[in-house]
Amino acid sequence: MNVTVDLSFLIAVKDMREEQRRFFHLTKEAKAKKLPQLWAQRKNCLDSSRQLEALVDIRLDQYLNGKEVARD
């Protein structure tokens, strides 16, 4: 089975993964340096990552439930 997805979906997945990597890097750095501004950046990054995850989850559900799906 072939599934066709929009390029925007792949970009959203890539952005989500980059934000997750950034979150884990900031967590490590914040724990090591114990600076409040790093913890604030980490929190903002987490919020952004969650928003991207929600977007990706919605789009995945649409694709997997037959909406916007092209099958061979």
N, C-alpha and C. Protein backbone atom coordinates (compact mmCIF):
# COMPACT_ATOMS: atom_id res chain seq x y z
N MET A 1 0.83 -1.16 0.00
CA MET A 1 0.00 0.00 0.00
C MET A 1 0.89 1.24 0.00
N ASN A 2 0.57 2.18 -0.83
CA ASN A 2 1.27 3.46 -0.88
C ASN A 2 0.36 4.53 -0.29
N VAL A 3 0.95 5.40 0.48
CA VAL A 3 0.21 6.51 1.06
C VAL A 3 0.88 7.80 0.62
N THR A 4 0.09 8.72 0.17
CA THR A 4 0.60 10.03 -0.24
C THR A 4 0.32 11.02 0.87
N VAL A 5 1.36 11.72 1.30
CA VAL A 5 1.20 12.73 2.34
C VAL A 5 1.72 14.06 1.82
N ASP A 6 1.20 15.12 2.41
CA ASP A 6 1.66 16.45 2.04
C ASP A 6 3.07 16.68 2.55
N LEU A 7 3.81 17.47 1.79
CA LEU A 7 5.15 17.85 2.21
C LEU A 7 5.09 18.59 3.55
N SER A 8 4.05 19.35 3.78
CA SER A 8 3.91 20.10 5.03
C SER A 8 3.86 19.16 6.24
N PHE A 9 3.32 17.96 6.06
CA PHE A 9 3.29 16.97 7.14
C PHE A 9 4.71 16.51 7.47
N LEU A 10 5.49 16.22 6.45
CA LEU A 10 6.86 15.79 6.68
C LEU A 10 7.69 16.89 7.33
N ILE A 11 7.44 18.12 6.94
CA ILE A 11 8.13 19.25 7.56
C ILE A 11 7.74 19.36 9.04
N ALA A 12 6.45 19.16 9.34
CA ALA A 12 5.99 19.21 10.73
C ALA A 12 6.65 18.12 11.56
N VAL A 13 6.79 16.92 11.00
CA VAL A 13 7.46 15.82 11.71
C VAL A 13 8.93 16.17 11.96
N LYS A 14 9.59 16.71 10.97
CA LYS A 14 10.99 17.11 11.11
C LYS A 14 11.13 18.20 12.18
N ASP A 15 10.25 19.20 12.14
CA ASP A 15 10.29 20.27 13.14
C ASP A 15 10.05 19.73 14.55
N MET A 16 9.12 18.80 14.67
CA MET A 16 8.83 18.19 15.96
C MET A 16 10.06 17.47 16.50
N ARG A 17 10.71 16.69 15.66
CA ARG A 17 11.91 15.95 16.09
C ARG A 17 13.03 16.89 16.49
N GLU A 18 13.21 17.98 15.74
CA GLU A 18 14.24 18.96 16.09
C GLU A 18 13.94 19.61 17.43
N GLU A 19 12.67 19.92 17.67
CA GLU A 19 12.28 20.54 18.93
C GLU A 19 12.48 19.56 20.09
N GLN A 20 12.21 18.29 19.86
CA GLN A 20 12.44 17.28 20.91
C GLN A 20 13.93 17.16 21.22
N ARG A 21 14.77 17.15 20.20
CA ARG A 21 16.22 17.10 20.44
C ARG A 21 16.69 18.33 21.21
N ARG A 22 16.15 19.49 20.84
CA ARG A 22 16.50 20.73 21.53
C ARG A 22 16.07 20.66 22.99
N PHE A 23 14.89 20.12 23.24
CA PHE A 23 14.38 19.98 24.61
C PHE A 23 15.33 19.12 25.45
N PHE A 24 15.75 17.98 24.92
CA PHE A 24 16.64 17.10 25.68
C PHE A 24 18.01 17.74 25.91
N HIS A 25 18.48 18.49 24.92
CA HIS A 25 19.75 19.21 25.08
C HIS A 25 19.61 20.28 26.18
N LEU A 26 18.52 21.03 26.14
CA LEU A 26 18.31 22.06 27.16
C LEU A 26 18.14 21.45 28.55
N THR A 27 17.51 20.30 28.63
CA THR A 27 17.35 19.63 29.93
C THR A 27 18.71 19.29 30.50
N LYS A 28 19.55 18.71 29.69
CA LYS A 28 20.89 18.35 30.13
C LYS A 28 21.67 19.59 30.58
N GLU A 29 21.60 20.63 29.77
CA GLU A 29 22.33 21.86 30.07
C GLU A 29 21.77 22.55 31.32
N ALA A 30 20.45 22.56 31.46
CA ALA A 30 19.82 23.20 32.62
C ALA A 30 20.17 22.47 33.91
N LYS A 31 20.20 21.15 33.86
CA LYS A 31 20.57 20.38 35.05
C LYS A 31 22.03 20.64 35.44
N ALA A 32 22.88 20.78 34.46
CA ALA A 32 24.30 20.97 34.73
C ALA A 32 24.60 22.38 35.24
N LYS A 33 23.97 23.38 34.64
CA LYS A 33 24.30 24.77 34.97
C LYS A 33 23.36 25.39 36.00
N LYS A 34 22.18 24.80 36.16
CA LYS A 34 21.19 25.27 37.14
C LYS A 34 20.86 26.77 36.99
N LEU A 35 20.72 27.20 35.75
CA LEU A 35 20.37 28.59 35.48
C LEU A 35 18.87 28.72 35.19
N PRO A 36 18.19 29.65 35.87
CA PRO A 36 16.74 29.79 35.66
C PRO A 36 16.35 30.06 34.20
N GLN A 37 17.16 30.83 33.48
CA GLN A 37 16.81 31.14 32.10
C GLN A 37 16.85 29.89 31.21
N LEU A 38 17.73 28.95 31.53
CA LEU A 38 17.76 27.69 30.77
C LEU A 38 16.50 26.86 31.06
N TRP A 39 16.07 26.87 32.32
CA TRP A 39 14.84 26.15 32.67
C TRP A 39 13.64 26.78 31.96
N ALA A 40 13.63 28.11 31.84
CA ALA A 40 12.55 28.79 31.13
C ALA A 40 12.58 28.44 29.64
N GLN A 41 13.76 28.42 29.04
CA GLN A 41 13.88 28.03 27.63
C GLN A 41 13.41 26.60 27.44
N ARG A 42 13.77 25.74 28.37
CA ARG A 42 13.38 24.33 28.32
C ARG A 42 11.85 24.22 28.36
N LYS A 43 11.21 24.99 29.24
CA LYS A 43 9.74 24.96 29.36
C LYS A 43 9.10 25.43 28.06
N ASN A 44 9.61 26.52 27.48
CA ASN A 44 9.08 27.01 26.21
C ASN A 44 9.25 25.97 25.11
N CYS A 45 10.38 25.31 25.10
CA CYS A 45 10.66 24.28 24.12
C CYS A 45 9.70 23.10 24.28
N LEU A 46 9.44 22.72 25.53
CA LEU A 46 8.51 21.63 25.80
C LEU A 46 7.11 21.99 25.30
N ASP A 47 6.67 23.21 25.57
CA ASP A 47 5.35 23.65 25.10
C ASP A 47 5.27 23.60 23.58
N SER A 48 6.30 24.08 22.92
CA SER A 48 6.34 24.07 21.46
C SER A 48 6.33 22.64 20.92
N SER A 49 7.10 21.77 21.56
CA SER A 49 7.16 20.38 21.14
C SER A 49 5.79 19.71 21.27
N ARG A 50 5.10 19.99 22.35
CA ARG A 50 3.77 19.40 22.56
C ARG A 50 2.78 19.88 21.50
N GLN A 51 2.88 21.15 21.12
CA GLN A 51 2.00 21.68 20.07
C GLN A 51 2.28 20.99 18.74
N LEU A 52 3.55 20.82 18.43
CA LEU A 52 3.90 20.13 17.19
C LEU A 52 3.46 18.67 17.22
N GLU A 53 3.61 18.01 18.36
CA GLU A 53 3.16 16.62 18.49
C GLU A 53 1.67 16.50 18.26
N ALA A 54 0.90 17.44 18.81
CA ALA A 54 -0.55 17.41 18.63
C ALA A 54 -0.91 17.57 17.16
N LEU A 55 -0.24 18.49 16.48
CA LEU A 55 -0.47 18.69 15.05
C LEU A 55 -0.14 17.42 14.26
N VAL A 56 1.00 16.82 14.54
CA VAL A 56 1.40 15.60 13.85
C VAL A 56 0.41 14.47 14.14
N ASP A 57 -0.04 14.35 15.38
CA ASP A 57 -1.00 13.29 15.73
C ASP A 57 -2.32 13.45 14.98
N ILE A 58 -2.79 14.69 14.88
CA ILE A 58 -4.04 14.94 14.14
C ILE A 58 -3.88 14.55 12.68
N ARG A 59 -2.79 14.98 12.09
CA ARG A 59 -2.55 14.67 10.67
C ARG A 59 -2.40 13.16 10.46
N LEU A 60 -1.69 12.49 11.37
CA LEU A 60 -1.55 11.03 11.27
C LEU A 60 -2.90 10.35 11.32
N ASP A 61 -3.75 10.77 12.25
CA ASP A 61 -5.09 10.19 12.34
C ASP A 61 -5.87 10.40 11.05
N GLN A 62 -5.74 11.59 10.46
CA GLN A 62 -6.43 11.86 9.20
C GLN A 62 -5.94 10.92 8.10
N TYR A 63 -4.63 10.76 8.01
CA TYR A 63 -4.08 9.88 6.97
C TYR A 63 -4.48 8.43 7.20
N LEU A 64 -4.39 7.98 8.43
CA LEU A 64 -4.64 6.57 8.72
C LEU A 64 -6.12 6.22 8.73
N ASN A 65 -6.99 7.18 8.89
CA ASN A 65 -8.42 6.92 8.88
C ASN A 65 -9.02 7.09 7.50
N GLY A 66 -8.17 7.20 6.49
CA GLY A 66 -8.65 7.22 5.11
C GLY A 66 -8.90 8.59 4.54
N LYS A 67 -8.75 9.63 5.34
CA LYS A 67 -8.92 10.97 4.82
C LYS A 67 -7.61 11.39 4.17
N GLU A 68 -7.67 11.84 2.98
CA GLU A 68 -6.49 12.29 2.23
C GLU A 68 -5.54 11.15 1.94
N VAL A 69 -6.00 9.92 1.89
CA VAL A 69 -5.13 8.77 1.65
C VAL A 69 -5.34 8.26 0.24
N ALA A 70 -4.26 8.07 -0.48
CA ALA A 70 -4.32 7.47 -1.81
C ALA A 70 -3.72 6.07 -1.70
N ARG A 71 -4.49 5.07 -2.10
CA ARG A 71 -4.02 3.68 -2.01
C ARG A 71 -3.92 3.05 -3.38
N ASP A 72 -2.89 2.22 -3.53
CA ASP A 72 -2.72 1.49 -4.79
C ASP A 72 -3.25 0.07 -4.63
